[in-house]
Structures are given as C-alpha cells and as structure tokens.
Amino acid sequence: MDTKPAIRRYQASDEAVVVDLWSRASKLAHPFIEGEGEGERARKLREIYLREAENWIAEDAGDVIALLGLLGNEIGGLFVDPRAQGRGVGRALVEHAATLRGELRLGVFEANARARGFYELMGFEEREHQLDEESGHPVIIMVRPAR
C-alpha cells in the first residue's frame, strides 16, 4: 500500500465482507481457540458486535481491509485482512481511535504474541491479567494513555 488507507464508519452493507475478513484474521491470530472465526462466534459478531460497537473500516482502493470496533474508549477488536497485515493499516486505525477517544484500553490474548508486540509498539502498557470468560484463555488488559 503506497498511501494511508481510507478510514470510514462501518455500514450494514459491509457485513458480508467484514465477517469474511474477521473470520480469516481471527483464525490466524487465535489458532488456540476452538471454533474461532465461525459458528457461535461469527453469530455474535454479526448480531451483537457489528450492531452495538462503533465500528470503523479501513479501505485500500475501495476494498475493505480492516475493522476496528470501539466500545467507549475500549478497542473491542482490531482485525486486519491477513493479506494487508504489516502495511500500517492497524496502526492507522488505532491512531484514528486515539484521535476520537484519547486514552485507549483493550484486552489481548496472552497467547497472541504478535498482537501484544504490535500494541506495545503502539504505546500500550500492561495493566492487569484476567481470564476470558468465553474461551477460558488468559487475557492481558492494556492501556495507552492519551497523548
């Protein structure tokens, strides 16, 4: 990608492409979660998270390449198309969220070392550890202070 991605609000017409992107990115990021990217987890994405969160899309040449969901100042999820990872798309969405909210919080699976490293580079700091109720896997709560 030669330019910054275009960032815009999620629209209901984005659902099919976003669910597909989320499924592929989730399976790659969370291979330790049985059924990740499908079934009940996909239903919750469609019926709850895409409706209740403030969702932002990144596009490149009109193609949806990433999704970021905000719940207040919490990043509920950041999913970048595996083909677009490592090109600054996630960084652009996190910076967009920081512009909107200032301080940001999130939970990241302890086993997702790549995401943890990304968030550390983005200025997030570990604050606490807890278990994800749904999967039973350890989660690290991270905070990025307002700049």
N, C-alpha and C. Protein backbone atom coordinates (compact mmCIF):
# COMPACT_ATOMS: atom_id res chain seq x y z
N MET A 1 0.85 -1.16 0.00
CA MET A 1 0.00 0.00 0.00
C MET A 1 0.90 1.23 0.00
N ASP A 2 0.71 2.09 -0.96
CA ASP A 2 1.56 3.27 -1.10
C ASP A 2 1.04 4.46 -0.32
N THR A 3 -0.23 4.49 0.00
CA THR A 3 -0.83 5.60 0.72
C THR A 3 -1.54 5.10 1.96
N LYS A 4 -1.91 6.04 2.82
CA LYS A 4 -2.67 5.66 4.01
C LYS A 4 -4.02 5.10 3.58
N PRO A 5 -4.52 4.14 4.34
CA PRO A 5 -5.85 3.62 4.00
C PRO A 5 -6.92 4.67 4.28
N ALA A 6 -8.00 4.60 3.55
CA ALA A 6 -9.16 5.45 3.84
C ALA A 6 -9.88 4.82 5.03
N ILE A 7 -10.26 5.64 6.00
CA ILE A 7 -10.97 5.15 7.17
C ILE A 7 -12.36 5.77 7.18
N ARG A 8 -13.34 4.91 7.39
CA ARG A 8 -14.73 5.37 7.41
C ARG A 8 -15.54 4.51 8.37
N ARG A 9 -16.74 4.97 8.67
CA ARG A 9 -17.66 4.22 9.53
C ARG A 9 -18.13 2.95 8.82
N TYR A 10 -18.30 1.91 9.59
CA TYR A 10 -18.89 0.66 9.11
C TYR A 10 -20.34 0.94 8.72
N GLN A 11 -20.78 0.28 7.64
CA GLN A 11 -22.18 0.35 7.20
C GLN A 11 -22.71 -1.08 7.12
N ALA A 12 -24.01 -1.23 7.29
CA ALA A 12 -24.62 -2.57 7.26
C ALA A 12 -24.29 -3.30 5.96
N SER A 13 -24.11 -2.57 4.87
CA SER A 13 -23.78 -3.20 3.59
C SER A 13 -22.37 -3.82 3.58
N ASP A 14 -21.56 -3.51 4.59
CA ASP A 14 -20.20 -4.07 4.71
C ASP A 14 -20.20 -5.44 5.39
N GLU A 15 -21.35 -5.87 5.91
CA GLU A 15 -21.37 -7.05 6.79
C GLU A 15 -20.70 -8.28 6.19
N ALA A 16 -21.05 -8.68 4.99
CA ALA A 16 -20.51 -9.92 4.43
C ALA A 16 -18.99 -9.87 4.30
N VAL A 17 -18.47 -8.79 3.77
CA VAL A 17 -17.02 -8.70 3.58
C VAL A 17 -16.31 -8.59 4.93
N VAL A 18 -16.90 -7.91 5.89
CA VAL A 18 -16.30 -7.77 7.21
C VAL A 18 -16.29 -9.10 7.95
N VAL A 19 -17.38 -9.86 7.87
CA VAL A 19 -17.42 -11.16 8.55
C VAL A 19 -16.38 -12.10 7.95
N ASP A 20 -16.22 -12.07 6.64
CA ASP A 20 -15.20 -12.90 5.99
C ASP A 20 -13.80 -12.48 6.43
N LEU A 21 -13.53 -11.19 6.43
CA LEU A 21 -12.22 -10.66 6.86
C LEU A 21 -11.97 -11.06 8.31
N TRP A 22 -12.95 -10.83 9.18
CA TRP A 22 -12.82 -11.17 10.60
C TRP A 22 -12.52 -12.66 10.77
N SER A 23 -13.22 -13.51 10.04
CA SER A 23 -13.03 -14.95 10.15
C SER A 23 -11.59 -15.34 9.81
N ARG A 24 -11.09 -14.83 8.69
CA ARG A 24 -9.73 -15.18 8.27
C ARG A 24 -8.69 -14.63 9.25
N ALA A 25 -8.86 -13.38 9.68
CA ALA A 25 -7.90 -12.76 10.61
C ALA A 25 -7.95 -13.44 11.98
N SER A 26 -9.15 -13.77 12.45
CA SER A 26 -9.30 -14.41 13.76
C SER A 26 -8.66 -15.79 13.80
N LYS A 27 -8.89 -16.58 12.77
CA LYS A 27 -8.30 -17.92 12.73
C LYS A 27 -6.77 -17.84 12.74
N LEU A 28 -6.21 -16.86 12.07
CA LEU A 28 -4.76 -16.67 12.05
C LEU A 28 -4.23 -16.21 13.41
N ALA A 29 -4.94 -15.26 14.04
CA ALA A 29 -4.48 -14.68 15.30
C ALA A 29 -4.76 -15.56 16.50
N HIS A 30 -5.81 -16.36 16.45
CA HIS A 30 -6.25 -17.14 17.61
C HIS A 30 -6.40 -18.63 17.29
N PRO A 31 -5.34 -19.28 16.80
CA PRO A 31 -5.47 -20.70 16.48
C PRO A 31 -5.70 -21.57 17.72
N PHE A 32 -5.46 -21.00 18.89
CA PHE A 32 -5.62 -21.71 20.16
C PHE A 32 -7.08 -21.73 20.64
N ILE A 33 -7.99 -21.04 19.94
CA ILE A 33 -9.40 -21.02 20.33
C ILE A 33 -10.19 -21.91 19.37
N GLU A 34 -10.78 -22.95 19.93
CA GLU A 34 -11.56 -23.88 19.12
C GLU A 34 -12.78 -23.16 18.53
N GLY A 35 -13.00 -23.33 17.23
CA GLY A 35 -14.15 -22.73 16.57
C GLY A 35 -14.01 -21.25 16.27
N GLU A 36 -12.81 -20.71 16.44
CA GLU A 36 -12.61 -19.28 16.20
C GLU A 36 -12.92 -18.96 14.74
N GLY A 37 -13.57 -17.81 14.54
CA GLY A 37 -13.85 -17.35 13.19
C GLY A 37 -15.08 -17.97 12.55
N GLU A 38 -15.87 -18.70 13.33
CA GLU A 38 -17.04 -19.36 12.73
C GLU A 38 -18.10 -19.61 13.79
N GLY A 39 -19.18 -20.24 13.39
CA GLY A 39 -20.23 -20.69 14.30
C GLY A 39 -20.78 -19.60 15.21
N GLU A 40 -20.83 -19.93 16.50
CA GLU A 40 -21.40 -19.02 17.50
C GLU A 40 -20.63 -17.70 17.57
N ARG A 41 -19.32 -17.76 17.42
CA ARG A 41 -18.52 -16.53 17.48
C ARG A 41 -18.86 -15.62 16.29
N ALA A 42 -19.09 -16.18 15.13
CA ALA A 42 -19.48 -15.39 13.96
C ALA A 42 -20.89 -14.81 14.15
N ARG A 43 -21.78 -15.60 14.73
CA ARG A 43 -23.12 -15.10 15.00
C ARG A 43 -23.07 -13.88 15.93
N LYS A 44 -22.27 -13.98 16.98
CA LYS A 44 -22.14 -12.85 17.92
C LYS A 44 -21.57 -11.62 17.22
N LEU A 45 -20.60 -11.82 16.34
CA LEU A 45 -20.05 -10.69 15.59
C LEU A 45 -21.17 -10.00 14.82
N ARG A 46 -21.92 -10.79 14.05
CA ARG A 46 -22.98 -10.22 13.19
C ARG A 46 -24.11 -9.59 14.01
N GLU A 47 -24.58 -10.31 15.03
CA GLU A 47 -25.80 -9.89 15.73
C GLU A 47 -25.56 -8.95 16.90
N ILE A 48 -24.36 -8.93 17.44
CA ILE A 48 -24.10 -8.07 18.60
C ILE A 48 -23.04 -7.01 18.29
N TYR A 49 -21.82 -7.45 18.02
CA TYR A 49 -20.70 -6.50 17.93
C TYR A 49 -20.81 -5.53 16.77
N LEU A 50 -21.25 -5.99 15.61
CA LEU A 50 -21.36 -5.07 14.47
C LEU A 50 -22.52 -4.10 14.65
N ARG A 51 -23.43 -4.40 15.55
CA ARG A 51 -24.57 -3.52 15.80
C ARG A 51 -24.35 -2.59 16.99
N GLU A 52 -23.67 -3.08 18.03
CA GLU A 52 -23.55 -2.32 19.27
C GLU A 52 -22.28 -1.48 19.39
N ALA A 53 -21.22 -1.90 18.73
CA ALA A 53 -19.96 -1.14 18.82
C ALA A 53 -19.95 -0.02 17.78
N GLU A 54 -19.08 0.93 18.00
CA GLU A 54 -18.80 1.96 16.99
C GLU A 54 -17.69 1.39 16.12
N ASN A 55 -18.04 0.95 14.94
CA ASN A 55 -17.10 0.23 14.08
C ASN A 55 -16.55 1.11 12.98
N TRP A 56 -15.25 0.95 12.75
CA TRP A 56 -14.54 1.70 11.71
C TRP A 56 -13.88 0.73 10.75
N ILE A 57 -13.89 1.10 9.49
CA ILE A 57 -13.37 0.29 8.39
C ILE A 57 -12.17 1.00 7.78
N ALA A 58 -11.16 0.22 7.40
CA ALA A 58 -10.07 0.76 6.58
C ALA A 58 -10.22 0.16 5.19
N GLU A 59 -10.05 1.01 4.18
CA GLU A 59 -10.15 0.57 2.79
C GLU A 59 -8.88 0.93 2.04
N ASP A 60 -8.58 0.09 1.07
CA ASP A 60 -7.49 0.37 0.13
C ASP A 60 -8.06 0.15 -1.26
N ALA A 61 -8.05 1.19 -2.07
CA ALA A 61 -8.60 1.13 -3.43
C ALA A 61 -10.04 0.60 -3.44
N GLY A 62 -10.81 0.98 -2.42
CA GLY A 62 -12.21 0.58 -2.34
C GLY A 62 -12.46 -0.78 -1.72
N ASP A 63 -11.40 -1.52 -1.40
CA ASP A 63 -11.53 -2.84 -0.78
C ASP A 63 -11.42 -2.71 0.74
N VAL A 64 -12.34 -3.31 1.47
CA VAL A 64 -12.29 -3.32 2.93
C VAL A 64 -11.13 -4.23 3.35
N ILE A 65 -10.20 -3.66 4.13
CA ILE A 65 -9.03 -4.44 4.54
C ILE A 65 -8.86 -4.55 6.05
N ALA A 66 -9.72 -3.84 6.82
CA ALA A 66 -9.60 -3.93 8.28
C ALA A 66 -10.85 -3.41 8.96
N LEU A 67 -11.02 -3.85 10.20
CA LEU A 67 -12.14 -3.45 11.04
C LEU A 67 -11.62 -3.16 12.44
N LEU A 68 -12.08 -2.06 13.02
CA LEU A 68 -11.80 -1.74 14.42
C LEU A 68 -13.12 -1.42 15.08
N GLY A 69 -13.40 -2.07 16.22
CA GLY A 69 -14.62 -1.81 16.97
C GLY A 69 -14.30 -1.09 18.27
N LEU A 70 -15.01 -0.02 18.54
CA LEU A 70 -14.84 0.76 19.77
C LEU A 70 -16.08 0.64 20.64
N LEU A 71 -15.85 0.45 21.91
CA LEU A 71 -16.90 0.48 22.93
C LEU A 71 -16.44 1.52 23.93
N GLY A 72 -16.89 2.76 23.76
CA GLY A 72 -16.36 3.85 24.57
C GLY A 72 -14.90 4.05 24.18
N ASN A 73 -14.00 3.95 25.17
CA ASN A 73 -12.57 4.09 24.83
C ASN A 73 -11.86 2.74 24.76
N GLU A 74 -12.65 1.65 24.71
CA GLU A 74 -12.07 0.31 24.61
C GLU A 74 -12.11 -0.19 23.17
N ILE A 75 -10.96 -0.66 22.71
CA ILE A 75 -10.91 -1.32 21.41
C ILE A 75 -11.41 -2.74 21.65
N GLY A 76 -12.61 -3.02 21.16
CA GLY A 76 -13.20 -4.34 21.34
C GLY A 76 -12.63 -5.36 20.38
N GLY A 77 -12.06 -4.88 19.29
CA GLY A 77 -11.44 -5.77 18.32
C GLY A 77 -10.79 -4.99 17.21
N LEU A 78 -9.67 -5.50 16.75
CA LEU A 78 -8.96 -4.94 15.60
C LEU A 78 -8.58 -6.14 14.73
N PHE A 79 -9.11 -6.15 13.52
CA PHE A 79 -8.88 -7.28 12.61
C PHE A 79 -8.46 -6.74 11.26
N VAL A 80 -7.27 -7.15 10.83
CA VAL A 80 -6.72 -6.72 9.54
C VAL A 80 -6.65 -7.94 8.63
N ASP A 81 -7.11 -7.77 7.40
CA ASP A 81 -7.04 -8.84 6.41
C ASP A 81 -5.61 -9.38 6.40
N PRO A 82 -5.43 -10.70 6.51
CA PRO A 82 -4.07 -11.25 6.53
C PRO A 82 -3.20 -10.78 5.36
N ARG A 83 -3.81 -10.51 4.20
CA ARG A 83 -3.03 -10.05 3.04
C ARG A 83 -2.58 -8.60 3.19
N ALA A 84 -3.16 -7.87 4.13
CA ALA A 84 -2.82 -6.45 4.33
C ALA A 84 -2.03 -6.21 5.61
N GLN A 85 -1.74 -7.27 6.36
CA GLN A 85 -1.02 -7.09 7.63
C GLN A 85 0.42 -6.66 7.37
N GLY A 86 0.95 -5.86 8.30
CA GLY A 86 2.32 -5.39 8.20
C GLY A 86 2.49 -4.18 7.30
N ARG A 87 1.37 -3.55 6.91
CA ARG A 87 1.44 -2.40 6.00
C ARG A 87 0.95 -1.10 6.63
N GLY A 88 0.77 -1.10 7.95
CA GLY A 88 0.38 0.12 8.63
C GLY A 88 -1.12 0.34 8.78
N VAL A 89 -1.92 -0.63 8.37
CA VAL A 89 -3.37 -0.48 8.44
C VAL A 89 -3.85 -0.47 9.88
N GLY A 90 -3.39 -1.43 10.68
CA GLY A 90 -3.77 -1.47 12.09
C GLY A 90 -3.32 -0.22 12.81
N ARG A 91 -2.12 0.23 12.53
CA ARG A 91 -1.59 1.46 13.13
C ARG A 91 -2.51 2.64 12.81
N ALA A 92 -2.93 2.76 11.56
CA ALA A 92 -3.79 3.88 11.16
C ALA A 92 -5.13 3.83 11.91
N LEU A 93 -5.71 2.64 12.07
CA LEU A 93 -6.98 2.53 12.79
C LEU A 93 -6.82 2.84 14.28
N VAL A 94 -5.74 2.38 14.90
CA VAL A 94 -5.50 2.69 16.31
C VAL A 94 -5.31 4.20 16.49
N GLU A 95 -4.55 4.83 15.61
CA GLU A 95 -4.35 6.28 15.71
C GLU A 95 -5.67 7.02 15.50
N HIS A 96 -6.51 6.52 14.61
CA HIS A 96 -7.84 7.12 14.41
C HIS A 96 -8.65 7.03 15.70
N ALA A 97 -8.64 5.85 16.33
CA ALA A 97 -9.36 5.66 17.59
C ALA A 97 -8.82 6.59 18.67
N ALA A 98 -7.50 6.75 18.74
CA ALA A 98 -6.89 7.63 19.73
C ALA A 98 -7.29 9.09 19.50
N THR A 99 -7.41 9.48 18.25
CA THR A 99 -7.85 10.84 17.94
C THR A 99 -9.28 11.05 18.44
N LEU A 100 -10.11 10.02 18.32
CA LEU A 100 -11.51 10.12 18.76
C LEU A 100 -11.65 10.06 20.28
N ARG A 101 -10.86 9.23 20.95
CA ARG A 101 -11.08 8.93 22.37
C ARG A 101 -9.97 9.34 23.33
N GLY A 102 -8.76 9.60 22.84
CA GLY A 102 -7.65 9.88 23.77
C GLY A 102 -7.13 8.57 24.32
N GLU A 103 -7.29 8.36 25.63
CA GLU A 103 -6.82 7.11 26.24
C GLU A 103 -7.60 5.93 25.66
N LEU A 104 -6.87 4.85 25.37
CA LEU A 104 -7.48 3.63 24.83
C LEU A 104 -7.16 2.45 25.74
N ARG A 105 -8.10 1.52 25.82
CA ARG A 105 -7.94 0.27 26.56
C ARG A 105 -8.25 -0.88 25.62
N LEU A 106 -7.74 -2.05 25.94
CA LEU A 106 -8.07 -3.25 25.19
C LEU A 106 -7.64 -4.48 25.96
N GLY A 107 -8.19 -5.60 25.54
CA GLY A 107 -7.76 -6.89 26.06
C GLY A 107 -7.19 -7.69 24.90
N VAL A 108 -6.04 -8.31 25.12
CA VAL A 108 -5.41 -9.12 24.08
C VAL A 108 -5.05 -10.47 24.68
N PHE A 109 -5.31 -11.53 23.92
CA PHE A 109 -4.98 -12.86 24.41
C PHE A 109 -3.48 -12.96 24.65
N GLU A 110 -3.13 -13.50 25.82
CA GLU A 110 -1.72 -13.68 26.18
C GLU A 110 -0.99 -14.51 25.12
N ALA A 111 -1.67 -15.49 24.54
CA ALA A 111 -1.05 -16.37 23.54
C ALA A 111 -0.85 -15.70 22.18
N ASN A 112 -1.41 -14.50 21.98
CA ASN A 112 -1.28 -13.79 20.71
C ASN A 112 -0.08 -12.84 20.79
N ALA A 113 1.12 -13.42 20.73
CA ALA A 113 2.36 -12.65 20.90
C ALA A 113 2.50 -11.57 19.83
N ARG A 114 2.10 -11.84 18.62
CA ARG A 114 2.23 -10.85 17.55
C ARG A 114 1.41 -9.59 17.86
N ALA A 115 0.16 -9.79 18.29
CA ALA A 115 -0.69 -8.64 18.61
C ALA A 115 -0.15 -7.90 19.84
N ARG A 116 0.30 -8.64 20.84
CA ARG A 116 0.86 -7.98 22.03
C ARG A 116 2.04 -7.10 21.65
N GLY A 117 2.92 -7.60 20.78
CA GLY A 117 4.07 -6.80 20.34
C GLY A 117 3.63 -5.57 19.58
N PHE A 118 2.62 -5.71 18.72
CA PHE A 118 2.08 -4.57 17.98
C PHE A 118 1.56 -3.51 18.94
N TYR A 119 0.76 -3.92 19.91
CA TYR A 119 0.19 -2.95 20.84
C TYR A 119 1.27 -2.27 21.69
N GLU A 120 2.29 -3.01 22.07
CA GLU A 120 3.41 -2.40 22.81
C GLU A 120 4.09 -1.33 21.96
N LEU A 121 4.31 -1.63 20.68
CA LEU A 121 4.90 -0.63 19.78
C LEU A 121 4.01 0.60 19.62
N MET A 122 2.71 0.40 19.78
CA MET A 122 1.74 1.49 19.65
C MET A 122 1.61 2.28 20.96
N GLY A 123 2.37 1.91 21.99
CA GLY A 123 2.36 2.66 23.24
C GLY A 123 1.44 2.13 24.31
N PHE A 124 0.89 0.94 24.12
CA PHE A 124 0.04 0.34 25.15
C PHE A 124 0.92 -0.30 26.21
N GLU A 125 0.44 -0.27 27.45
CA GLU A 125 1.15 -0.84 28.59
C GLU A 125 0.25 -1.85 29.29
N GLU A 126 0.85 -2.95 29.75
CA GLU A 126 0.10 -3.96 30.50
C GLU A 126 -0.38 -3.37 31.81
N ARG A 127 -1.65 -3.66 32.14
CA ARG A 127 -2.20 -3.19 33.41
C ARG A 127 -2.66 -4.34 34.29
N GLU A 128 -3.24 -5.37 33.71
CA GLU A 128 -3.73 -6.49 34.51
C GLU A 128 -3.91 -7.73 33.63
N HIS A 129 -4.11 -8.84 34.31
CA HIS A 129 -4.36 -10.12 33.64
C HIS A 129 -5.69 -10.66 34.13
N GLN A 130 -6.42 -11.31 33.22
CA GLN A 130 -7.68 -11.94 33.59
C GLN A 130 -7.94 -13.09 32.64
N LEU A 131 -8.97 -13.86 32.92
CA LEU A 131 -9.35 -14.96 32.03
C LEU A 131 -10.53 -14.51 31.18
N ASP A 132 -10.49 -14.84 29.90
CA ASP A 132 -11.61 -14.60 29.00
C ASP A 132 -12.69 -15.60 29.39
N GLU A 133 -13.86 -15.09 29.79
CA GLU A 133 -14.94 -15.96 30.26
C GLU A 133 -15.39 -16.96 29.21
N GLU A 134 -15.45 -16.52 27.96
CA GLU A 134 -15.97 -17.38 26.90
C GLU A 134 -15.01 -18.51 26.53
N SER A 135 -13.72 -18.18 26.38
CA SER A 135 -12.76 -19.18 25.91
C SER A 135 -11.95 -19.83 27.03
N GLY A 136 -11.85 -19.14 28.18
CA GLY A 136 -11.03 -19.64 29.27
C GLY A 136 -9.55 -19.33 29.12
N HIS A 137 -9.18 -18.59 28.07
CA HIS A 137 -7.77 -18.26 27.83
C HIS A 137 -7.40 -16.96 28.54
N PRO A 138 -6.13 -16.86 29.00
CA PRO A 138 -5.68 -15.63 29.67
C PRO A 138 -5.65 -14.44 28.71
N VAL A 139 -6.06 -13.30 29.25
CA VAL A 139 -6.10 -12.04 28.51
C VAL A 139 -5.31 -11.01 29.29
N ILE A 140 -4.58 -10.17 28.56
CA ILE A 140 -3.84 -9.07 29.15
C ILE A 140 -4.60 -7.78 28.84
N ILE A 141 -4.92 -7.02 29.88
CA ILE A 141 -5.56 -5.71 29.70
C ILE A 141 -4.43 -4.70 29.52
N MET A 142 -4.53 -3.93 28.43
CA MET A 142 -3.50 -2.94 28.11
C MET A 142 -4.16 -1.57 27.97
N VAL A 143 -3.40 -0.53 28.32
CA VAL A 143 -3.88 0.84 28.23
C VAL A 143 -2.83 1.69 27.52
N ARG A 144 -3.34 2.56 26.66
CA ARG A 144 -2.48 3.56 26.02
C ARG A 144 -2.97 4.92 26.50
N PRO A 145 -2.15 5.61 27.29
CA PRO A 145 -2.57 6.93 27.80
C PRO A 145 -2.79 7.91 26.65
N ALA A 146 -3.66 8.88 26.91
CA ALA A 146 -3.89 9.94 25.93
C ALA A 146 -2.58 10.69 25.72
N ARG A 147 -2.38 11.14 24.47
CA ARG A 147 -1.14 11.87 24.16
C ARG A 147 -1.42 13.32 23.92
